[in-house]
Amino acid sequence: MPTLTGYPIADDLPEKPRFFWKTVFLAIVVVFFFYALFNSSFLQLKYIVVQGNRHLKERDVIKLAGINPGINIFQADLRQGRENLLTHPLIKKATLYRRLPATVVIDITEREPIAVISDRDRLLLVDEEGYCLEEVKEGFLREKLPFLTGKGIRSGRPGEKIVDSPGQLGLNYMVALAPALREKVAEVHVASSQNVIFYMADHYQVRFGGIEKLEERYFNLIIIMMGADTVTPLKMASRIKGEYKHIPLYLLVNNSYIVNEIEKNPTTIEGVDKIFVWNGEPKIFFSM
């Protein structure tokens, strides 16, 4: 019986060749899409917005980032721009992002000076982390800042961090102060690790340190702070009161439980005139 020989139609084509041509077509579409995307005038970078700058000028920030208008917005290298910005000693943080269709935003956080270091006829601004910011002249300080002085304090180049112990110690004392109180401090002098002096703008002095300094000058008030060690502060109070009965001596603790315990033995607090409990923000105590 005769048979008919058929030929395959389109639906009978193998799956592999059809998948291949679909893939090629999709790849061509993707290539054309990205070509149009990176060459479209609609996505041309036209605006660069700078946020967060207080001291740095907008044009200087843009120049440092190295991003220029006129290129395609997706060709702007934001990662490299951020790295460029962080090389500036005044810039603490930097974030760059695109705002389509034509804007790049540069958001920076500037380091804020907390003190002025006087070192070998140089005045250098320094922030709370100890980073040297910029060299200034005394008559051109932007704001009123205390001077940080003392033996062994050395400043570095802008962008470098202070590593000497006296400088770090002085900064630690400054950071502990509330911002409003810093304005009242004219100078922080680190004579030694046990002798830090605050010279206030109203000519008063606040000294932190050992009891040997009591022999050098008259003091109006002595405050001893008690922490985990409840024995040494009371021994110190007794010793001081034995030699300087005329100076009021206050004991500052951060827990009322400690007061209950030490009051069980009245003889241990004979050298203390008053006891205060303070468990709030330490910076407020410095303000008081």
C-alpha atoms as a PDB file:
ATOM      1  CA  MET A   1       0.000   0.000   0.000  1.00  0.00           C
ATOM      2  CA  PRO A   2       1.544   3.367  -0.990  1.00  0.00           C
ATOM      3  CA  THR A   3       2.549   5.745   1.841  1.00  0.00           C
ATOM      4  CA  LEU A   4       2.858   9.535   1.987  1.00  0.00           C
ATOM      5  CA  THR A   5       6.146  11.105   3.000  1.00  0.00           C
ATOM      6  CA  GLY A   6       5.623  14.379   5.004  1.00  0.00           C
ATOM      7  CA  TYR A   7       7.894  17.350   5.672  1.00  0.00           C
ATOM      8  CA  PRO A   8       8.258  19.019   9.104  1.00  0.00           C
ATOM      9  CA  ILE A   9       6.419  22.297   9.552  1.00  0.00           C
ATOM     10  CA  ALA A  10       7.446  25.170  11.907  1.00  0.00           C
ATOM     11  CA  ASP A  11       5.737  23.699  14.962  1.00  0.00           C
ATOM     12  CA  ASP A  12       7.691  20.532  14.459  1.00  0.00           C
ATOM     13  CA  LEU A  13      11.133  22.260  14.617  1.00  0.00           C
ATOM     14  CA  PRO A  14      13.389  21.024  17.434  1.00  0.00           C
ATOM     15  CA  GLU A  15      13.274  23.051  20.693  1.00  0.00           C
ATOM     16  CA  LYS A  16      17.030  23.830  20.792  1.00  0.00           C
ATOM     17  CA  PRO A  17      17.179  25.907  17.572  1.00  0.00           C
ATOM     18  CA  ARG A  18      14.098  27.901  18.641  1.00  0.00           C
ATOM     19  CA  PHE A  19      15.572  28.604  22.092  1.00  0.00           C
ATOM     20  CA  PHE A  20      18.826  29.722  20.474  1.00  0.00           C
ATOM     21  CA  TRP A  21      17.150  32.279  18.208  1.00  0.00           C
ATOM     22  CA  LYS A  22      15.029  33.591  21.061  1.00  0.00           C
ATOM     23  CA  THR A  23      18.175  34.078  23.132  1.00  0.00           C
ATOM     24  CA  VAL A  24      19.923  35.916  20.288  1.00  0.00           C
ATOM     25  CA  PHE A  25      16.922  38.189  19.818  1.00  0.00           C
ATOM     26  CA  LEU A  26      16.739  38.965  23.550  1.00  0.00           C
ATOM     27  CA  ALA A  27      20.475  39.730  23.669  1.00  0.00           C
ATOM     28  CA  ILE A  28      20.130  42.159  20.744  1.00  0.00           C
ATOM     29  CA  VAL A  29      17.254  43.916  22.522  1.00  0.00           C
ATOM     30  CA  VAL A  30      19.295  44.226  25.744  1.00  0.00           C
ATOM     31  CA  VAL A  31      22.306  45.623  23.863  1.00  0.00           C
ATOM     32  CA  PHE A  32      20.168  48.226  22.097  1.00  0.00           C
ATOM     33  CA  PHE A  33      18.488  49.123  25.403  1.00  0.00           C
ATOM     34  CA  PHE A  34      21.762  49.812  27.201  1.00  0.00           C
ATOM     35  CA  TYR A  35      23.185  51.613  24.174  1.00  0.00           C
ATOM     36  CA  ALA A  36      20.177  53.923  24.167  1.00  0.00           C
ATOM     37  CA  LEU A  37      20.360  54.259  27.956  1.00  0.00           C
ATOM     38  CA  PHE A  38      23.994  55.371  28.036  1.00  0.00           C
ATOM     39  CA  ASN A  39      23.709  57.656  25.011  1.00  0.00           C
ATOM     40  CA  SER A  40      20.358  59.274  25.649  1.00  0.00           C
ATOM     41  CA  SER A  41      20.364  63.037  26.183  1.00  0.00           C
ATOM     42  CA  PHE A  42      17.411  62.487  28.528  1.00  0.00           C
ATOM     43  CA  LEU A  43      19.800  60.910  31.086  1.00  0.00           C
ATOM     44  CA  GLN A  44      22.545  63.494  30.688  1.00  0.00           C
ATOM     45  CA  LEU A  45      23.929  64.709  34.023  1.00  0.00           C
ATOM     46  CA  LYS A  46      22.872  68.333  34.386  1.00  0.00           C
ATOM     47  CA  TYR A  47      22.761  69.042  38.132  1.00  0.00           C
ATOM     48  CA  ILE A  48      25.041  68.226  41.076  1.00  0.00           C
ATOM     49  CA  VAL A  49      23.509  68.990  44.469  1.00  0.00           C
ATOM     50  CA  VAL A  50      25.709  69.285  47.590  1.00  0.00           C
ATOM     51  CA  GLN A  51      24.153  68.767  51.029  1.00  0.00           C
ATOM     52  CA  GLY A  52      25.534  68.937  54.564  1.00  0.00           C
ATOM     53  CA  ASN A  53      28.376  71.369  53.918  1.00  0.00           C
ATOM     54  CA  ARG A  54      28.808  74.073  56.544  1.00  0.00           C
ATOM     55  CA  HIS A  55      32.373  75.222  56.047  1.00  0.00           C
ATOM     56  CA  LEU A  56      33.341  73.793  52.667  1.00  0.00           C
ATOM     57  CA  LYS A  57      32.169  75.597  49.549  1.00  0.00           C
ATOM     58  CA  GLU A  58      29.866  73.760  47.163  1.00  0.00           C
ATOM     59  CA  ARG A  59      32.147  74.205  44.167  1.00  0.00           C
ATOM     60  CA  ASP A  60      35.112  72.820  46.113  1.00  0.00           C
ATOM     61  CA  VAL A  61      33.160  69.706  47.097  1.00  0.00           C
ATOM     62  CA  ILE A  62      32.087  69.079  43.488  1.00  0.00           C
ATOM     63  CA  LYS A  63      35.621  69.585  42.218  1.00  0.00           C
ATOM     64  CA  LEU A  64      37.036  67.195  44.812  1.00  0.00           C
ATOM     65  CA  ALA A  65      34.448  64.512  43.939  1.00  0.00           C
ATOM     66  CA  GLY A  66      35.620  64.650  40.315  1.00  0.00           C
ATOM     67  CA  ILE A  67      32.120  64.371  38.838  1.00  0.00           C
ATOM     68  CA  ASN A  68      31.340  66.742  35.971  1.00  0.00           C
ATOM     69  CA  PRO A  69      28.024  67.626  34.305  1.00  0.00           C
ATOM     70  CA  GLY A  70      27.525  66.686  30.667  1.00  0.00           C
ATOM     71  CA  ILE A  71      28.199  62.960  30.927  1.00  0.00           C
ATOM     72  CA  ASN A  72      25.563  60.267  31.086  1.00  0.00           C
ATOM     73  CA  ILE A  73      24.310  59.988  34.663  1.00  0.00           C
ATOM     74  CA  PHE A  74      25.125  56.250  34.772  1.00  0.00           C
ATOM     75  CA  GLN A  75      28.703  56.946  33.716  1.00  0.00           C
ATOM     76  CA  ALA A  76      29.349  59.020  36.832  1.00  0.00           C
ATOM     77  CA  ASP A  77      31.653  56.999  39.114  1.00  0.00           C
ATOM     78  CA  LEU A  78      30.017  57.549  42.494  1.00  0.00           C
ATOM     79  CA  ARG A  79      32.287  55.131  44.345  1.00  0.00           C
ATOM     80  CA  GLN A  80      35.417  56.924  43.193  1.00  0.00           C
ATOM     81  CA  GLY A  81      33.775  60.253  43.982  1.00  0.00           C
ATOM     82  CA  ARG A  82      33.159  59.131  47.560  1.00  0.00           C
ATOM     83  CA  GLU A  83      36.768  57.987  47.961  1.00  0.00           C
ATOM     84  CA  ASN A  84      37.962  61.336  46.641  1.00  0.00           C
ATOM     85  CA  LEU A  85      35.829  63.231  49.153  1.00  0.00           C
ATOM     86  CA  LEU A  86      37.036  61.219  52.130  1.00  0.00           C
ATOM     87  CA  THR A  87      40.621  62.320  51.456  1.00  0.00           C
ATOM     88  CA  HIS A  88      39.674  65.804  52.688  1.00  0.00           C
ATOM     89  CA  PRO A  89      40.412  66.201  56.419  1.00  0.00           C
ATOM     90  CA  LEU A  90      37.186  68.133  57.051  1.00  0.00           C
ATOM     91  CA  ILE A  91      34.912  65.442  55.589  1.00  0.00           C
ATOM     92  CA  LYS A  92      33.895  62.677  57.999  1.00  0.00           C
ATOM     93  CA  LYS A  93      31.271  60.879  55.890  1.00  0.00           C
ATOM     94  CA  ALA A  94      30.180  61.074  52.255  1.00  0.00           C
ATOM     95  CA  THR A  95      27.237  59.538  50.406  1.00  0.00           C
ATOM     96  CA  LEU A  96      26.614  59.938  46.673  1.00  0.00           C
ATOM     97  CA  TYR A  97      23.489  58.826  44.818  1.00  0.00           C
ATOM     98  CA  ARG A  98      21.640  59.435  41.561  1.00  0.00           C
ATOM     99  CA  ARG A  99      18.325  61.199  41.344  1.00  0.00           C
ATOM    100  CA  LEU A 100      16.969  60.395  37.894  1.00  0.00           C
ATOM    101  CA  PRO A 101      16.873  61.648  35.296  1.00  0.00           C
ATOM    102  CA  ALA A 102      19.652  64.239  35.527  1.00  0.00           C
ATOM    103  CA  THR A 103      20.895  64.841  39.117  1.00  0.00           C
ATOM    104  CA  VAL A 104      23.671  63.482  41.356  1.00  0.00           C
ATOM    105  CA  VAL A 105      23.402  64.277  45.066  1.00  0.00           C
ATOM    106  CA  ILE A 106      26.522  64.596  47.242  1.00  0.00           C
ATOM    107  CA  ASP A 107      25.656  64.370  50.944  1.00  0.00           C
ATOM    108  CA  ILE A 108      28.575  65.002  53.292  1.00  0.00           C
ATOM    109  CA  THR A 109      29.092  65.193  57.034  1.00  0.00           C
ATOM    110  CA  GLU A 110      31.839  67.578  58.062  1.00  0.00           C
ATOM    111  CA  ARG A 111      34.081  67.086  61.054  1.00  0.00           C
ATOM    112  CA  GLU A 112      33.357  69.733  63.663  1.00  0.00           C
ATOM    113  CA  PRO A 113      36.287  71.319  65.516  1.00  0.00           C
ATOM    114  CA  ILE A 114      36.176  70.969  69.267  1.00  0.00           C
ATOM    115  CA  ALA A 115      39.455  72.640  70.235  1.00  0.00           C
ATOM    116  CA  VAL A 116      42.530  74.436  68.940  1.00  0.00           C
ATOM    117  CA  ILE A 117      45.950  72.883  69.475  1.00  0.00           C
ATOM    118  CA  SER A 118      48.830  75.267  69.972  1.00  0.00           C
ATOM    119  CA  ASP A 119      52.000  73.525  68.871  1.00  0.00           C
ATOM    120  CA  ARG A 120      55.294  75.134  67.868  1.00  0.00           C
ATOM    121  CA  ASP A 121      53.780  78.442  66.760  1.00  0.00           C
ATOM    122  CA  ARG A 122      51.025  76.601  64.868  1.00  0.00           C
ATOM    123  CA  LEU A 123      47.299  76.651  65.544  1.00  0.00           C
ATOM    124  CA  LEU A 124      45.452  73.594  64.316  1.00  0.00           C
ATOM    125  CA  LEU A 125      41.761  72.748  64.634  1.00  0.00           C
ATOM    126  CA  VAL A 126      41.034  69.274  65.993  1.00  0.00           C
ATOM    127  CA  ASP A 127      37.773  67.314  66.263  1.00  0.00           C
ATOM    128  CA  GLU A 128      36.516  65.092  69.086  1.00  0.00           C
ATOM    129  CA  GLU A 129      38.102  61.972  67.563  1.00  0.00           C
ATOM    130  CA  GLY A 130      41.488  63.629  67.507  1.00  0.00           C
ATOM    131  CA  TYR A 131      41.724  64.305  63.771  1.00  0.00           C
ATOM    132  CA  CYS A 132      43.639  67.431  62.785  1.00  0.00           C
ATOM    133  CA  LEU A 133      41.450  69.478  60.473  1.00  0.00           C
ATOM    134  CA  GLU A 134      43.166  72.621  59.258  1.00  0.00           C
ATOM    135  CA  GLU A 135      45.745  75.163  60.269  1.00  0.00           C
ATOM    136  CA  VAL A 136      44.383  78.574  61.186  1.00  0.00           C
ATOM    137  CA  LYS A 137      45.560  81.944  62.397  1.00  0.00           C
ATOM    138  CA  GLU A 138      44.424  83.150  65.824  1.00  0.00           C
ATOM    139  CA  GLY A 139      42.604  86.179  64.460  1.00  0.00           C
ATOM    140  CA  PHE A 140      40.713  84.139  61.871  1.00  0.00           C
ATOM    141  CA  LEU A 141      39.011  81.478  63.990  1.00  0.00           C
ATOM    142  CA  ARG A 142      35.471  80.909  62.717  1.00  0.00           C
ATOM    143  CA  GLU A 143      34.108  80.240  66.183  1.00  0.00           C
ATOM    144  CA  LYS A 144      35.120  80.477  69.805  1.00  0.00           C
ATOM    145  CA  LEU A 145      37.020  77.318  70.713  1.00  0.00           C
ATOM    146  CA  PRO A 146      39.137  76.400  73.751  1.00  0.00           C
ATOM    147  CA  PHE A 147      42.867  75.921  73.381  1.00  0.00           C
ATOM    148  CA  LEU A 148      44.344  72.510  74.187  1.00  0.00           C
ATOM    149  CA  THR A 149      47.838  72.891  75.638  1.00  0.00           C
ATOM    150  CA  GLY A 150      50.295  70.857  77.623  1.00  0.00           C
ATOM    151  CA  LYS A 151      53.669  69.183  77.616  1.00  0.00           C
ATOM    152  CA  GLY A 152      53.887  66.434  75.023  1.00  0.00           C
ATOM    153  CA  ILE A 153      50.873  67.526  72.960  1.00  0.00           C
ATOM    154  CA  ARG A 154      51.833  67.448  69.295  1.00  0.00           C
ATOM    155  CA  SER A 155      49.664  68.235  66.319  1.00  0.00           C
ATOM    156  CA  GLY A 156      50.021  66.557  62.953  1.00  0.00           C
ATOM    157  CA  ARG A 157      49.224  67.430  59.383  1.00  0.00           C
ATOM    158  CA  PRO A 158      45.575  67.942  58.381  1.00  0.00           C
ATOM    159  CA  GLY A 159      43.917  64.542  58.168  1.00  0.00           C
ATOM    160  CA  GLU A 160      46.248  62.898  60.686  1.00  0.00           C
ATOM    161  CA  LYS A 161      45.089  61.730  64.105  1.00  0.00           C
ATOM    162  CA  ILE A 162      46.613  62.782  67.395  1.00  0.00           C
ATOM    163  CA  VAL A 163      48.214  59.740  68.977  1.00  0.00           C
ATOM    164  CA  ASP A 164      50.005  61.215  71.998  1.00  0.00           C
ATOM    165  CA  SER A 165      48.491  60.445  75.405  1.00  0.00           C
ATOM    166  CA  PRO A 166      48.306  64.042  76.738  1.00  0.00           C
ATOM    167  CA  GLY A 167      46.414  65.178  73.646  1.00  0.00           C
ATOM    168  CA  GLN A 168      43.939  62.303  73.841  1.00  0.00           C
ATOM    169  CA  LEU A 169      43.442  62.884  77.563  1.00  0.00           C
ATOM    170  CA  GLY A 170      42.642  66.547  77.033  1.00  0.00           C
ATOM    171  CA  LEU A 171      40.189  65.715  74.256  1.00  0.00           C
ATOM    172  CA  ASN A 172      38.464  63.129  76.455  1.00  0.00           C
ATOM    173  CA  TYR A 173      37.828  65.817  79.054  1.00  0.00           C
ATOM    174  CA  MET A 174      36.516  68.151  76.357  1.00  0.00           C
ATOM    175  CA  VAL A 175      34.148  65.537  74.908  1.00  0.00           C
ATOM    176  CA  ALA A 176      32.689  64.953  78.381  1.00  0.00           C
ATOM    177  CA  LEU A 177      31.515  68.562  78.488  1.00  0.00           C
ATOM    178  CA  ALA A 178      28.128  69.641  77.217  1.00  0.00           C
ATOM    179  CA  PRO A 179      28.460  71.853  74.090  1.00  0.00           C
ATOM    180  CA  ALA A 180      27.082  74.885  75.938  1.00  0.00           C
ATOM    181  CA  LEU A 181      29.756  74.535  78.624  1.00  0.00           C
ATOM    182  CA  ARG A 182      32.597  74.234  76.102  1.00  0.00           C
ATOM    183  CA  GLU A 183      31.972  77.835  75.120  1.00  0.00           C
ATOM    184  CA  LYS A 184      32.872  78.890  78.658  1.00  0.00           C
ATOM    185  CA  VAL A 185      36.251  77.124  78.597  1.00  0.00           C
ATOM    186  CA  ALA A 186      39.182  79.218  77.405  1.00  0.00           C
ATOM    187  CA  GLU A 187      41.897  76.588  77.748  1.00  0.00           C
ATOM    188  CA  VAL A 188      42.387  72.956  78.730  1.00  0.00           C
ATOM    189  CA  HIS A 189      45.916  72.428  80.011  1.00  0.00           C
ATOM    190  CA  VAL A 190      47.231  68.883  80.485  1.00  0.00           C
ATOM    191  CA  ALA A 191      50.103  69.185  82.937  1.00  0.00           C
ATOM    192  CA  SER A 192      50.209  65.418  83.500  1.00  0.00           C
ATOM    193  CA  SER A 193      47.930  62.396  83.463  1.00  0.00           C
ATOM    194  CA  GLN A 194      46.951  63.298  87.038  1.00  0.00           C
ATOM    195  CA  ASN A 195      46.655  67.030  86.579  1.00  0.00           C
ATOM    196  CA  VAL A 196      44.244  68.549  84.045  1.00  0.00           C
ATOM    197  CA  ILE A 197      43.266  72.212  84.434  1.00  0.00           C
ATOM    198  CA  PHE A 198      40.296  74.000  82.889  1.00  0.00           C
ATOM    199  CA  TYR A 199      40.839  77.749  82.596  1.00  0.00           C
ATOM    200  CA  MET A 200      37.384  79.250  82.287  1.00  0.00           C
ATOM    201  CA  ALA A 201      36.562  82.414  80.357  1.00  0.00           C
ATOM    202  CA  ASP A 202      35.438  84.069  83.626  1.00  0.00           C
ATOM    203  CA  HIS A 203      38.941  83.484  85.071  1.00  0.00           C
ATOM    204  CA  TYR A 204      37.937  80.586  87.343  1.00  0.00           C
ATOM    205  CA  GLN A 205      39.891  77.343  87.312  1.00  0.00           C
ATOM    206  CA  VAL A 206      38.645  73.763  87.543  1.00  0.00           C
ATOM    207  CA  ARG A 207      41.334  71.230  88.370  1.00  0.00           C
ATOM    208  CA  PHE A 208      41.181  67.472  87.983  1.00  0.00           C
ATOM    209  CA  GLY A 209      43.970  65.502  89.568  1.00  0.00           C
ATOM    210  CA  GLY A 210      45.795  64.264  92.636  1.00  0.00           C
ATOM    211  CA  ILE A 211      45.619  65.687  96.142  1.00  0.00           C
ATOM    212  CA  GLU A 212      49.224  66.896  96.000  1.00  0.00           C
ATOM    213  CA  LYS A 213      47.930  69.950  94.100  1.00  0.00           C
ATOM    214  CA  LEU A 214      46.142  71.120  97.244  1.00  0.00           C
ATOM    215  CA  GLU A 215      49.469  72.385  98.581  1.00  0.00           C
ATOM    216  CA  GLU A 216      50.007  74.684  95.601  1.00  0.00           C
ATOM    217  CA  ARG A 217      46.956  76.924  95.825  1.00  0.00           C
ATOM    218  CA  TYR A 218      43.638  77.546  97.589  1.00  0.00           C
ATOM    219  CA  PHE A 219      40.543  75.625  96.489  1.00  0.00           C
ATOM    220  CA  ASN A 220      36.923  76.561  97.188  1.00  0.00           C
ATOM    221  CA  LEU A 221      35.486  73.064  96.838  1.00  0.00           C
ATOM    222  CA  ILE A 222      36.626  69.459  96.460  1.00  0.00           C
ATOM    223  CA  ILE A 223      34.435  66.839  94.784  1.00  0.00           C
ATOM    224  CA  ILE A 224      35.393  63.181  94.926  1.00  0.00           C
ATOM    225  CA  MET A 225      33.609  60.869  92.515  1.00  0.00           C
ATOM    226  CA  MET A 226      32.976  57.303  93.640  1.00  0.00           C
ATOM    227  CA  GLY A 227      32.588  54.463  91.169  1.00  0.00           C
ATOM    228  CA  ALA A 228      33.057  50.716  91.559  1.00  0.00           C
ATOM    229  CA  ASP A 229      35.830  51.318  94.085  1.00  0.00           C
ATOM    230  CA  THR A 230      34.074  52.403  97.302  1.00  0.00           C
ATOM    231  CA  VAL A 231      37.128  52.201  99.557  1.00  0.00           C
ATOM    232  CA  THR A 232      39.785  54.459  98.005  1.00  0.00           C
ATOM    233  CA  PRO A 233      37.551  57.576  97.666  1.00  0.00           C
ATOM    234  CA  LEU A 234      36.639  57.427 101.375  1.00  0.00           C
ATOM    235  CA  LYS A 235      40.274  57.000 102.406  1.00  0.00           C
ATOM    236  CA  MET A 236      41.184  59.969 100.223  1.00  0.00           C
ATOM    237  CA  ALA A 237      38.371  62.046 101.753  1.00  0.00           C
ATOM    238  CA  SER A 238      39.567  61.233 105.255  1.00  0.00           C
ATOM    239  CA  ARG A 239      43.144  62.154 104.396  1.00  0.00           C
ATOM    240  CA  ILE A 240      42.188  65.439 102.731  1.00  0.00           C
ATOM    241  CA  LYS A 241      39.854  66.474 105.545  1.00  0.00           C
ATOM    242  CA  GLY A 242      42.541  65.722 108.095  1.00  0.00           C
ATOM    243  CA  GLU A 243      44.872  68.274 106.493  1.00  0.00           C
ATOM    244  CA  TYR A 244      42.421  70.764 104.948  1.00  0.00           C
ATOM    245  CA  LYS A 245      39.453  71.012 107.295  1.00  0.00           C
ATOM    246  CA  HIS A 246      38.437  74.420 105.917  1.00  0.00           C
ATOM    247  CA  ILE A 247      37.707  73.144 102.387  1.00  0.00           C
ATOM    248  CA  PRO A 248      34.193  71.731 101.798  1.00  0.00           C
ATOM    249  CA  LEU A 249      34.398  68.154 100.529  1.00  0.00           C
ATOM    250  CA  TYR A 250      31.543  66.508  98.657  1.00  0.00           C
ATOM    251  CA  LEU A 251      31.185  62.876  97.643  1.00  0.00           C
ATOM    252  CA  LEU A 252      29.447  62.172  94.345  1.00  0.00           C
ATOM    253  CA  VAL A 253      28.030  58.683  93.751  1.00  0.00           C
ATOM    254  CA  ASN A 254      25.909  57.258  90.953  1.00  0.00           C
ATOM    255  CA  ASN A 255      23.771  54.849  92.971  1.00  0.00           C
ATOM    256  CA  SER A 256      21.637  55.381  96.078  1.00  0.00           C
ATOM    257  CA  TYR A 257      22.428  51.811  97.164  1.00  0.00           C
ATOM    258  CA  ILE A 258      26.035  52.891  97.739  1.00  0.00           C
ATOM    259  CA  VAL A 259      24.843  55.655 100.067  1.00  0.00           C
ATOM    260  CA  ASN A 260      22.847  53.168 102.153  1.00  0.00           C
ATOM    261  CA  GLU A 261      25.863  50.902 102.462  1.00  0.00           C
ATOM    262  CA  ILE A 262      28.417  53.527 103.454  1.00  0.00           C
ATOM    263  CA  GLU A 263      26.023  55.192 105.923  1.00  0.00           C
ATOM    264  CA  LYS A 264      25.891  51.904 107.884  1.00  0.00           C
ATOM    265  CA  ASN A 265      29.386  52.787 109.095  1.00  0.00           C
ATOM    266  CA  PRO A 266      29.365  56.539 109.880  1.00  0.00           C
ATOM    267  CA  THR A 267      33.061  56.586 110.754  1.00  0.00           C
ATOM    268  CA  THR A 268      33.960  55.929 107.096  1.00  0.00           C
ATOM    269  CA  ILE A 269      32.370  59.186 105.942  1.00  0.00           C
ATOM    270  CA  GLU A 270      33.661  61.506 108.660  1.00  0.00           C
ATOM    271  CA  GLY A 271      35.676  63.392 106.067  1.00  0.00           C
ATOM    272  CA  VAL A 272      32.659  63.998 103.815  1.00  0.00           C
ATOM    273  CA  ASP A 273      30.538  67.115 104.278  1.00  0.00           C
ATOM    274  CA  LYS A 274      27.779  66.137 101.847  1.00  0.00           C
ATOM    275  CA  ILE A 275      26.857  63.178  99.658  1.00  0.00           C
ATOM    276  CA  PHE A 276      25.147  63.615  96.317  1.00  0.00           C
ATOM    277  CA  VAL A 277      23.609  60.921  94.134  1.00  0.00           C
ATOM    278  CA  TRP A 278      23.697  61.518  90.399  1.00  0.00           C
ATOM    279  CA  ASN A 279      22.677  58.769  87.968  1.00  0.00           C
ATOM    280  CA  GLY A 280      21.748  60.973  85.028  1.00  0.00           C
ATOM    281  CA  GLU A 281      23.712  62.318  82.081  1.00  0.00           C
ATOM    282  CA  PRO A 282      27.369  62.877  83.142  1.00  0.00           C
ATOM    283  CA  LYS A 283      27.655  65.969  80.932  1.00  0.00           C
ATOM    284  CA  ILE A 284      25.012  67.731  83.014  1.00  0.00           C
ATOM    285  CA  PHE A 285      27.138  67.239  86.122  1.00  0.00           C
ATOM    286  CA  PHE A 286      30.045  69.049  84.452  1.00  0.00           C
ATOM    287  CA  SER A 287      27.674  71.888  83.602  1.00  0.00           C
ATOM    288  CA  MET A 288      26.599  72.175  87.216  1.00  0.00           C
END
